[in-house]
Amino acid sequence: MSPLWLLRLATWLSVSAPPQLPETVRVASIGYAGGDPRAFGCDRDLCAFETLVRSAAGRGASIIVTPEYSMPQRDAEPRVQIGRRPSSVAAPIQAHFSALADSLDIHLAINLETEDAKGQLFNSLLVFDPRGMLAARHDKMELFEGERQTLEPGDTITTLQTPYGRFGLLICADLYTEPATHRALVEGGGAGEGVSLILFSAAWTVPVATRWQAAFAHDWGVYFVAANASLGDGSGSGIFDPKGRAIGHDGPLRSIRIADIPVAPISAAAGSHGAQ
């Protein structure tokens, strides 16, 4: 075979071969509860969160989670259809972080109160993909104390397929739900759709918050990325491996925790299971 044909063959093989995934993906939890944006050179919390997300992404994080009840939200935002981009008029906070996920090429999870067409309110964890589309929405299943007076509980587990593996979504007191629910989430009900990573947004006020996070990671054999800021800036969050060990390191700011975890690639098309 002539050198020219060898060159053509090598070029064809390089174009036809599937893209190679990295062995690890960098994840980050943000532990800022809002209320002190000037600490980040901002005059609004929305700016502070953007600064933190950009900082984490600048250190290579591809998956970033923010805490429960931390966004500067006055009114519930409408529930955007999965696979769509939110409107900046109807859902300004969602639109802001949708655009940020798109510009930074990341998966970004934020917690917001959402409202359906019937006027029912939910505590929701929203994940925007690297195109800025709403990739998944999980509604908190285990409502806590005063939440029961105004919010509707979610009625399903939520998972999200990504190039890095399948993620499961949980919010704070969802850790109290029955073991059967956790088993269905983690193991996929025996359908081969179990998760390798949990994204967890919380406002957990007890000093031993990270023990619950570590215990879940250990008991169910998953990686666990917890964003919690109710104990103060940079406190109450953690990233844990399947043995329940805290991993990673603090980011450039105290509010950020970063770790590299193994990629668990999937063969099915990306998408989400859960609330629409």
C-alpha atoms as a PDB file:
ATOM      1  CA  MET A   1       0.000   0.000   0.000  1.00  0.00           C
ATOM      2  CA  SER A   2       1.383   3.374  -1.015  1.00  0.00           C
ATOM      3  CA  PRO A   3       2.207   6.058   1.578  1.00  0.00           C
ATOM      4  CA  LEU A   4      -0.639   8.187   0.162  1.00  0.00           C
ATOM      5  CA  TRP A   5      -3.199   5.436   0.793  1.00  0.00           C
ATOM      6  CA  LEU A   6      -1.800   4.844   4.260  1.00  0.00           C
ATOM      7  CA  LEU A   7      -2.271   8.525   5.020  1.00  0.00           C
ATOM      8  CA  ARG A   8      -5.851   8.417   3.695  1.00  0.00           C
ATOM      9  CA  LEU A   9      -6.612   5.309   5.740  1.00  0.00           C
ATOM     10  CA  ALA A  10      -5.219   6.857   8.913  1.00  0.00           C
ATOM     11  CA  THR A  11      -7.281   9.992   8.306  1.00  0.00           C
ATOM     12  CA  TRP A  12     -10.469   7.955   7.749  1.00  0.00           C
ATOM     13  CA  LEU A  13      -9.897   5.911  10.889  1.00  0.00           C
ATOM     14  CA  SER A  14      -9.320   9.026  12.975  1.00  0.00           C
ATOM     15  CA  VAL A  15     -12.551  10.601  11.707  1.00  0.00           C
ATOM     16  CA  SER A  16     -14.639   7.427  12.006  1.00  0.00           C
ATOM     17  CA  ALA A  17     -13.453   6.374  15.458  1.00  0.00           C
ATOM     18  CA  PRO A  18     -15.754   7.307  18.366  1.00  0.00           C
ATOM     19  CA  PRO A  19     -14.460  10.097  20.603  1.00  0.00           C
ATOM     20  CA  GLN A  20     -12.381   8.899  23.504  1.00  0.00           C
ATOM     21  CA  LEU A  21     -13.795   9.749  26.915  1.00  0.00           C
ATOM     22  CA  PRO A  22     -11.443  10.739  29.709  1.00  0.00           C
ATOM     23  CA  GLU A  23     -10.907   8.231  32.499  1.00  0.00           C
ATOM     24  CA  THR A  24     -12.130  10.722  35.094  1.00  0.00           C
ATOM     25  CA  VAL A  25     -14.483  13.668  35.247  1.00  0.00           C
ATOM     26  CA  ARG A  26     -14.064  16.625  37.586  1.00  0.00           C
ATOM     27  CA  VAL A  27     -17.018  17.458  39.831  1.00  0.00           C
ATOM     28  CA  ALA A  28     -17.561  20.402  42.171  1.00  0.00           C
ATOM     29  CA  SER A  29     -19.928  21.314  44.982  1.00  0.00           C
ATOM     30  CA  ILE A  30     -20.595  24.924  45.895  1.00  0.00           C
ATOM     31  CA  GLY A  31     -21.230  25.742  49.537  1.00  0.00           C
ATOM     32  CA  TYR A  32     -22.467  29.318  49.368  1.00  0.00           C
ATOM     33  CA  ALA A  33     -25.872  30.018  50.922  1.00  0.00           C
ATOM     34  CA  GLY A  34     -26.269  33.562  49.636  1.00  0.00           C
ATOM     35  CA  GLY A  35     -26.424  36.813  51.546  1.00  0.00           C
ATOM     36  CA  ASP A  36     -22.824  37.999  51.229  1.00  0.00           C
ATOM     37  CA  PRO A  37     -22.200  38.684  47.543  1.00  0.00           C
ATOM     38  CA  ARG A  38     -19.618  41.406  48.243  1.00  0.00           C
ATOM     39  CA  ALA A  39     -17.245  38.685  49.436  1.00  0.00           C
ATOM     40  CA  PHE A  40     -17.056  37.694  45.771  1.00  0.00           C
ATOM     41  CA  GLY A  41     -16.842  41.193  44.349  1.00  0.00           C
ATOM     42  CA  CYS A  42     -20.558  41.276  43.517  1.00  0.00           C
ATOM     43  CA  ASP A  43     -23.572  43.324  44.492  1.00  0.00           C
ATOM     44  CA  ARG A  44     -26.103  40.513  43.960  1.00  0.00           C
ATOM     45  CA  ASP A  45     -26.229  36.830  44.864  1.00  0.00           C
ATOM     46  CA  LEU A  46     -26.876  35.876  41.246  1.00  0.00           C
ATOM     47  CA  CYS A  47     -23.497  37.386  40.404  1.00  0.00           C
ATOM     48  CA  ALA A  48     -21.875  35.615  43.366  1.00  0.00           C
ATOM     49  CA  PHE A  49     -23.137  32.219  42.196  1.00  0.00           C
ATOM     50  CA  GLU A  50     -21.995  32.902  38.659  1.00  0.00           C
ATOM     51  CA  THR A  51     -18.558  33.829  39.982  1.00  0.00           C
ATOM     52  CA  LEU A  52     -18.353  30.582  41.942  1.00  0.00           C
ATOM     53  CA  VAL A  53     -19.566  28.454  39.046  1.00  0.00           C
ATOM     54  CA  ARG A  54     -17.110  30.109  36.672  1.00  0.00           C
ATOM     55  CA  SER A  55     -14.309  29.590  39.176  1.00  0.00           C
ATOM     56  CA  ALA A  56     -15.105  25.874  39.521  1.00  0.00           C
ATOM     57  CA  ALA A  57     -15.400  25.450  35.763  1.00  0.00           C
ATOM     58  CA  GLY A  58     -12.130  27.316  35.343  1.00  0.00           C
ATOM     59  CA  ARG A  59     -10.493  24.622  37.456  1.00  0.00           C
ATOM     60  CA  GLY A  60     -11.823  21.973  35.112  1.00  0.00           C
ATOM     61  CA  ALA A  61     -15.119  20.996  36.755  1.00  0.00           C
ATOM     62  CA  SER A  62     -17.624  19.582  34.253  1.00  0.00           C
ATOM     63  CA  ILE A  63     -20.358  18.816  36.796  1.00  0.00           C
ATOM     64  CA  ILE A  64     -21.283  21.483  39.368  1.00  0.00           C
ATOM     65  CA  VAL A  65     -23.934  21.367  42.100  1.00  0.00           C
ATOM     66  CA  THR A  66     -25.325  24.266  44.173  1.00  0.00           C
ATOM     67  CA  PRO A  67     -27.137  24.150  47.556  1.00  0.00           C
ATOM     68  CA  GLU A  68     -30.821  24.002  48.388  1.00  0.00           C
ATOM     69  CA  TYR A  69     -32.661  27.284  49.097  1.00  0.00           C
ATOM     70  CA  SER A  70     -29.672  29.355  48.097  1.00  0.00           C
ATOM     71  CA  MET A  71     -30.779  31.131  44.921  1.00  0.00           C
ATOM     72  CA  PRO A  72     -32.077  34.737  45.182  1.00  0.00           C
ATOM     73  CA  GLN A  73     -35.644  33.756  44.330  1.00  0.00           C
ATOM     74  CA  ARG A  74     -38.770  35.810  45.132  1.00  0.00           C
ATOM     75  CA  ASP A  75     -41.403  33.885  43.179  1.00  0.00           C
ATOM     76  CA  ALA A  76     -41.648  30.321  41.956  1.00  0.00           C
ATOM     77  CA  GLU A  77     -40.532  29.876  38.365  1.00  0.00           C
ATOM     78  CA  PRO A  78     -42.535  27.882  35.798  1.00  0.00           C
ATOM     79  CA  ARG A  79     -41.657  24.293  35.019  1.00  0.00           C
ATOM     80  CA  VAL A  80     -39.736  24.184  31.754  1.00  0.00           C
ATOM     81  CA  GLN A  81     -40.206  21.172  29.510  1.00  0.00           C
ATOM     82  CA  ILE A  82     -37.324  18.707  29.641  1.00  0.00           C
ATOM     83  CA  GLY A  83     -35.076  19.209  26.620  1.00  0.00           C
ATOM     84  CA  ARG A  84     -35.937  22.892  26.243  1.00  0.00           C
ATOM     85  CA  ARG A  85     -34.198  26.148  27.130  1.00  0.00           C
ATOM     86  CA  PRO A  86     -36.019  28.395  29.615  1.00  0.00           C
ATOM     87  CA  SER A  87     -37.386  31.787  28.650  1.00  0.00           C
ATOM     88  CA  SER A  88     -35.586  34.755  30.151  1.00  0.00           C
ATOM     89  CA  VAL A  89     -38.954  36.492  30.589  1.00  0.00           C
ATOM     90  CA  ALA A  90     -40.893  33.660  32.273  1.00  0.00           C
ATOM     91  CA  ALA A  91     -37.994  31.993  34.087  1.00  0.00           C
ATOM     92  CA  PRO A  92     -35.136  34.490  34.512  1.00  0.00           C
ATOM     93  CA  ILE A  93     -33.078  32.521  37.046  1.00  0.00           C
ATOM     94  CA  GLN A  94     -33.322  29.319  35.041  1.00  0.00           C
ATOM     95  CA  ALA A  95     -32.449  31.224  31.868  1.00  0.00           C
ATOM     96  CA  HIS A  96     -29.413  32.780  33.546  1.00  0.00           C
ATOM     97  CA  PHE A  97     -27.944  29.431  34.571  1.00  0.00           C
ATOM     98  CA  SER A  98     -28.988  27.757  31.344  1.00  0.00           C
ATOM     99  CA  ALA A  99     -26.878  30.292  29.457  1.00  0.00           C
ATOM    100  CA  LEU A 100     -24.032  29.827  31.927  1.00  0.00           C
ATOM    101  CA  ALA A 101     -24.021  26.035  31.491  1.00  0.00           C
ATOM    102  CA  ASP A 102     -24.004  26.538  27.736  1.00  0.00           C
ATOM    103  CA  SER A 103     -21.147  29.040  27.767  1.00  0.00           C
ATOM    104  CA  LEU A 104     -19.000  26.942  30.116  1.00  0.00           C
ATOM    105  CA  ASP A 105     -19.854  23.572  28.523  1.00  0.00           C
ATOM    106  CA  ILE A 106     -20.857  22.003  31.858  1.00  0.00           C
ATOM    107  CA  HIS A 107     -23.655  20.151  33.618  1.00  0.00           C
ATOM    108  CA  LEU A 108     -24.995  22.577  36.221  1.00  0.00           C
ATOM    109  CA  ALA A 109     -27.477  21.669  38.986  1.00  0.00           C
ATOM    110  CA  ILE A 110     -29.427  24.403  40.795  1.00  0.00           C
ATOM    111  CA  ASN A 111     -32.248  24.274  43.345  1.00  0.00           C
ATOM    112  CA  LEU A 112     -35.378  26.372  42.799  1.00  0.00           C
ATOM    113  CA  GLU A 113     -39.030  26.479  43.741  1.00  0.00           C
ATOM    114  CA  THR A 114     -41.066  25.668  40.634  1.00  0.00           C
ATOM    115  CA  GLU A 115     -44.750  26.007  39.832  1.00  0.00           C
ATOM    116  CA  ASP A 116     -46.818  23.814  37.522  1.00  0.00           C
ATOM    117  CA  ALA A 117     -49.773  24.831  35.373  1.00  0.00           C
ATOM    118  CA  LYS A 118     -52.175  24.065  38.248  1.00  0.00           C
ATOM    119  CA  GLY A 119     -50.385  26.449  40.586  1.00  0.00           C
ATOM    120  CA  GLN A 120     -48.814  23.646  42.640  1.00  0.00           C
ATOM    121  CA  LEU A 121     -45.381  24.417  44.074  1.00  0.00           C
ATOM    122  CA  PHE A 122     -42.386  22.077  44.216  1.00  0.00           C
ATOM    123  CA  ASN A 123     -38.868  22.114  45.622  1.00  0.00           C
ATOM    124  CA  SER A 124     -36.900  21.159  42.503  1.00  0.00           C
ATOM    125  CA  LEU A 125     -33.340  20.314  41.566  1.00  0.00           C
ATOM    126  CA  LEU A 126     -32.756  21.340  37.941  1.00  0.00           C
ATOM    127  CA  VAL A 127     -29.862  20.160  35.801  1.00  0.00           C
ATOM    128  CA  PHE A 128     -28.833  22.095  32.698  1.00  0.00           C
ATOM    129  CA  ASP A 129     -26.642  20.336  30.170  1.00  0.00           C
ATOM    130  CA  PRO A 130     -23.676  21.763  28.216  1.00  0.00           C
ATOM    131  CA  ARG A 131     -26.074  23.060  25.540  1.00  0.00           C
ATOM    132  CA  GLY A 132     -28.097  24.963  28.118  1.00  0.00           C
ATOM    133  CA  MET A 133     -31.070  22.604  27.830  1.00  0.00           C
ATOM    134  CA  LEU A 134     -33.010  21.489  30.897  1.00  0.00           C
ATOM    135  CA  ALA A 135     -31.782  17.899  31.085  1.00  0.00           C
ATOM    136  CA  ALA A 136     -33.560  16.776  34.274  1.00  0.00           C
ATOM    137  CA  ARG A 137     -35.776  18.016  37.069  1.00  0.00           C
ATOM    138  CA  HIS A 138     -36.177  16.251  40.409  1.00  0.00           C
ATOM    139  CA  ASP A 139     -38.916  17.243  42.849  1.00  0.00           C
ATOM    140  CA  LYS A 140     -38.119  16.742  46.519  1.00  0.00           C
ATOM    141  CA  MET A 141     -39.972  13.648  47.730  1.00  0.00           C
ATOM    142  CA  GLU A 142     -39.461  13.922  51.489  1.00  0.00           C
ATOM    143  CA  LEU A 143     -40.725  17.372  52.424  1.00  0.00           C
ATOM    144  CA  PHE A 144     -39.461  18.701  55.741  1.00  0.00           C
ATOM    145  CA  GLU A 145     -41.454  20.537  58.413  1.00  0.00           C
ATOM    146  CA  GLY A 146     -42.826  23.837  57.012  1.00  0.00           C
ATOM    147  CA  GLU A 147     -42.400  22.695  53.411  1.00  0.00           C
ATOM    148  CA  ARG A 148     -45.432  20.456  53.859  1.00  0.00           C
ATOM    149  CA  GLN A 149     -47.637  23.520  54.278  1.00  0.00           C
ATOM    150  CA  THR A 150     -46.930  24.999  50.851  1.00  0.00           C
ATOM    151  CA  LEU A 151     -45.208  22.443  48.619  1.00  0.00           C
ATOM    152  CA  GLU A 152     -46.261  19.285  46.814  1.00  0.00           C
ATOM    153  CA  PRO A 153     -43.995  16.250  47.256  1.00  0.00           C
ATOM    154  CA  GLY A 154     -42.364  14.641  44.258  1.00  0.00           C
ATOM    155  CA  ASP A 155     -43.561  11.143  43.511  1.00  0.00           C
ATOM    156  CA  THR A 156     -40.703   9.630  41.538  1.00  0.00           C
ATOM    157  CA  ILE A 157     -36.981   9.075  41.527  1.00  0.00           C
ATOM    158  CA  THR A 158     -35.006  10.985  38.916  1.00  0.00           C
ATOM    159  CA  THR A 159     -31.941   9.932  36.959  1.00  0.00           C
ATOM    160  CA  LEU A 160     -29.995  11.514  34.149  1.00  0.00           C
ATOM    161  CA  GLN A 161     -27.861   9.837  31.508  1.00  0.00           C
ATOM    162  CA  THR A 162     -24.726  11.712  30.484  1.00  0.00           C
ATOM    163  CA  PRO A 163     -21.518  10.876  28.599  1.00  0.00           C
ATOM    164  CA  TYR A 164     -19.950  10.338  32.038  1.00  0.00           C
ATOM    165  CA  GLY A 165     -22.509   7.819  33.295  1.00  0.00           C
ATOM    166  CA  ARG A 166     -25.954   7.924  34.865  1.00  0.00           C
ATOM    167  CA  PHE A 167     -26.566  10.403  37.695  1.00  0.00           C
ATOM    168  CA  GLY A 168     -29.200  10.255  40.406  1.00  0.00           C
ATOM    169  CA  LEU A 169     -30.723  13.413  41.887  1.00  0.00           C
ATOM    170  CA  LEU A 170     -31.691  13.930  45.544  1.00  0.00           C
ATOM    171  CA  ILE A 171     -32.632  16.924  47.688  1.00  0.00           C
ATOM    172  CA  CYS A 172     -31.843  17.165  51.405  1.00  0.00           C
ATOM    173  CA  ALA A 173     -34.424  15.121  53.390  1.00  0.00           C
ATOM    174  CA  ASP A 174     -34.803  12.723  50.459  1.00  0.00           C
ATOM    175  CA  LEU A 175     -32.111  10.819  52.371  1.00  0.00           C
ATOM    176  CA  TYR A 176     -34.905   9.945  54.825  1.00  0.00           C
ATOM    177  CA  THR A 177     -36.997   8.117  52.224  1.00  0.00           C
ATOM    178  CA  GLU A 178     -37.463   4.368  52.426  1.00  0.00           C
ATOM    179  CA  PRO A 179     -34.501   2.140  51.501  1.00  0.00           C
ATOM    180  CA  ALA A 180     -36.599   0.649  48.697  1.00  0.00           C
ATOM    181  CA  THR A 181     -36.680   4.080  47.032  1.00  0.00           C
ATOM    182  CA  HIS A 182     -32.928   4.445  47.321  1.00  0.00           C
ATOM    183  CA  ARG A 183     -32.453   0.946  45.961  1.00  0.00           C
ATOM    184  CA  ALA A 184     -34.636   1.726  42.947  1.00  0.00           C
ATOM    185  CA  LEU A 185     -32.630   4.895  42.356  1.00  0.00           C
ATOM    186  CA  VAL A 186     -29.188   3.380  42.724  1.00  0.00           C
ATOM    187  CA  GLU A 187     -29.772  -0.034  41.186  1.00  0.00           C
ATOM    188  CA  GLY A 188     -32.284   0.967  38.527  1.00  0.00           C
ATOM    189  CA  GLY A 189     -34.864  -1.595  39.563  1.00  0.00           C
ATOM    190  CA  GLY A 190     -32.796  -4.407  38.091  1.00  0.00           C
ATOM    191  CA  ALA A 191     -33.100  -2.893  34.601  1.00  0.00           C
ATOM    192  CA  GLY A 192     -29.410  -2.138  34.274  1.00  0.00           C
ATOM    193  CA  GLU A 193     -30.014   1.583  34.741  1.00  0.00           C
ATOM    194  CA  GLY A 194     -28.396   2.127  38.105  1.00  0.00           C
ATOM    195  CA  VAL A 195     -26.443   5.273  38.856  1.00  0.00           C
ATOM    196  CA  SER A 196     -22.749   5.827  39.480  1.00  0.00           C
ATOM    197  CA  LEU A 197     -23.043   9.327  40.954  1.00  0.00           C
ATOM    198  CA  ILE A 198     -25.544  11.182  43.161  1.00  0.00           C
ATOM    199  CA  LEU A 199     -25.995  14.952  42.840  1.00  0.00           C
ATOM    200  CA  PHE A 200     -27.291  16.202  46.188  1.00  0.00           C
ATOM    201  CA  SER A 201     -28.527  19.710  47.013  1.00  0.00           C
ATOM    202  CA  ALA A 202     -29.282  20.428  50.670  1.00  0.00           C
ATOM    203  CA  ALA A 203     -29.887  22.912  53.436  1.00  0.00           C
ATOM    204  CA  TRP A 204     -28.963  20.438  56.170  1.00  0.00           C
ATOM    205  CA  THR A 205     -28.521  22.314  59.435  1.00  0.00           C
ATOM    206  CA  VAL A 206     -27.138  19.660  61.791  1.00  0.00           C
ATOM    207  CA  PRO A 207     -23.357  19.628  62.371  1.00  0.00           C
ATOM    208  CA  VAL A 208     -23.096  15.970  61.297  1.00  0.00           C
ATOM    209  CA  ALA A 209     -24.536  16.634  57.839  1.00  0.00           C
ATOM    210  CA  THR A 210     -21.546  15.131  56.064  1.00  0.00           C
ATOM    211  CA  ARG A 211     -21.932  11.864  58.001  1.00  0.00           C
ATOM    212  CA  TRP A 212     -25.268  11.263  56.297  1.00  0.00           C
ATOM    213  CA  GLN A 213     -23.717  12.021  52.934  1.00  0.00           C
ATOM    214  CA  ALA A 214     -20.800   9.682  53.570  1.00  0.00           C
ATOM    215  CA  ALA A 215     -23.116   6.959  54.858  1.00  0.00           C
ATOM    216  CA  PHE A 216     -25.263   7.074  51.715  1.00  0.00           C
ATOM    217  CA  ALA A 217     -22.188   6.820  49.478  1.00  0.00           C
ATOM    218  CA  HIS A 218     -20.908   3.881  51.516  1.00  0.00           C
ATOM    219  CA  ASP A 219     -24.200   2.013  51.899  1.00  0.00           C
ATOM    220  CA  TRP A 220     -25.135   2.224  48.228  1.00  0.00           C
ATOM    221  CA  GLY A 221     -21.662   2.132  46.694  1.00  0.00           C
ATOM    222  CA  VAL A 222     -21.870   5.371  44.706  1.00  0.00           C
ATOM    223  CA  TYR A 223     -19.987   8.621  44.367  1.00  0.00           C
ATOM    224  CA  PHE A 224     -21.833  11.434  46.132  1.00  0.00           C
ATOM    225  CA  VAL A 225     -21.500  15.166  45.421  1.00  0.00           C
ATOM    226  CA  ALA A 226     -23.193  17.193  48.159  1.00  0.00           C
ATOM    227  CA  ALA A 227     -23.730  20.946  48.004  1.00  0.00           C
ATOM    228  CA  ASN A 228     -24.834  22.291  51.389  1.00  0.00           C
ATOM    229  CA  ALA A 229     -24.243  25.736  52.856  1.00  0.00           C
ATOM    230  CA  SER A 230     -26.619  25.947  55.802  1.00  0.00           C
ATOM    231  CA  LEU A 231     -23.736  25.611  58.284  1.00  0.00           C
ATOM    232  CA  GLY A 232     -21.902  28.602  56.859  1.00  0.00           C
ATOM    233  CA  ASP A 233     -19.825  29.317  53.799  1.00  0.00           C
ATOM    234  CA  GLY A 234     -17.946  26.192  52.767  1.00  0.00           C
ATOM    235  CA  SER A 235     -19.382  24.025  55.558  1.00  0.00           C
ATOM    236  CA  GLY A 236     -21.672  21.020  55.363  1.00  0.00           C
ATOM    237  CA  SER A 237     -20.687  20.020  51.825  1.00  0.00           C
ATOM    238  CA  GLY A 238     -18.616  17.087  50.696  1.00  0.00           C
ATOM    239  CA  ILE A 239     -17.657  14.719  47.902  1.00  0.00           C
ATOM    240  CA  PHE A 240     -17.479  11.045  48.829  1.00  0.00           C
ATOM    241  CA  ASP A 241     -16.345   7.847  47.140  1.00  0.00           C
ATOM    242  CA  PRO A 242     -18.251   4.518  47.232  1.00  0.00           C
ATOM    243  CA  LYS A 243     -16.498   3.605  50.488  1.00  0.00           C
ATOM    244  CA  GLY A 244     -17.801   6.741  52.177  1.00  0.00           C
ATOM    245  CA  ARG A 245     -14.436   8.473  52.227  1.00  0.00           C
ATOM    246  CA  ALA A 246     -14.224  12.236  51.713  1.00  0.00           C
ATOM    247  CA  ILE A 247     -12.234  12.952  48.571  1.00  0.00           C
ATOM    248  CA  GLY A 248     -11.005  15.952  46.635  1.00  0.00           C
ATOM    249  CA  HIS A 249      -9.769  19.320  47.752  1.00  0.00           C
ATOM    250  CA  ASP A 250     -10.950  22.860  48.313  1.00  0.00           C
ATOM    251  CA  GLY A 251     -11.164  24.985  45.206  1.00  0.00           C
ATOM    252  CA  PRO A 252      -9.724  28.451  44.698  1.00  0.00           C
ATOM    253  CA  LEU A 253     -12.452  29.752  47.027  1.00  0.00           C
ATOM    254  CA  ARG A 254     -13.516  28.208  50.334  1.00  0.00           C
ATOM    255  CA  SER A 255     -17.043  27.759  49.022  1.00  0.00           C
ATOM    256  CA  ILE A 256     -15.904  25.248  46.384  1.00  0.00           C
ATOM    257  CA  ARG A 257     -14.990  21.573  46.775  1.00  0.00           C
ATOM    258  CA  ILE A 258     -13.494  19.728  43.796  1.00  0.00           C
ATOM    259  CA  ALA A 259     -12.757  16.060  43.074  1.00  0.00           C
ATOM    260  CA  ASP A 260     -12.001  13.773  40.142  1.00  0.00           C
ATOM    261  CA  ILE A 261     -14.129  10.638  39.876  1.00  0.00           C
ATOM    262  CA  PRO A 262     -14.021   7.737  37.393  1.00  0.00           C
ATOM    263  CA  VAL A 263     -16.165   8.003  34.291  1.00  0.00           C
ATOM    264  CA  ALA A 264     -18.825   5.316  33.945  1.00  0.00           C
ATOM    265  CA  PRO A 265     -19.764   5.605  30.241  1.00  0.00           C
ATOM    266  CA  ILE A 266     -23.134   4.420  28.982  1.00  0.00           C
ATOM    267  CA  SER A 267     -24.206   3.025  25.652  1.00  0.00           C
ATOM    268  CA  ALA A 268     -27.800   4.308  25.608  1.00  0.00           C
ATOM    269  CA  ALA A 269     -28.790   7.728  24.310  1.00  0.00           C
ATOM    270  CA  ALA A 270     -28.545  10.526  26.835  1.00  0.00           C
ATOM    271  CA  GLY A 271     -31.755  11.535  28.577  1.00  0.00           C
ATOM    272  CA  SER A 272     -33.538  11.690  31.882  1.00  0.00           C
ATOM    273  CA  HIS A 273     -36.070   9.669  33.805  1.00  0.00           C
ATOM    274  CA  GLY A 274     -38.320  11.493  36.218  1.00  0.00           C
ATOM    275  CA  ALA A 275     -40.636  14.452  36.449  1.00  0.00           C
ATOM    276  CA  GLN A 276     -41.522  16.360  33.290  1.00  0.00           C
END
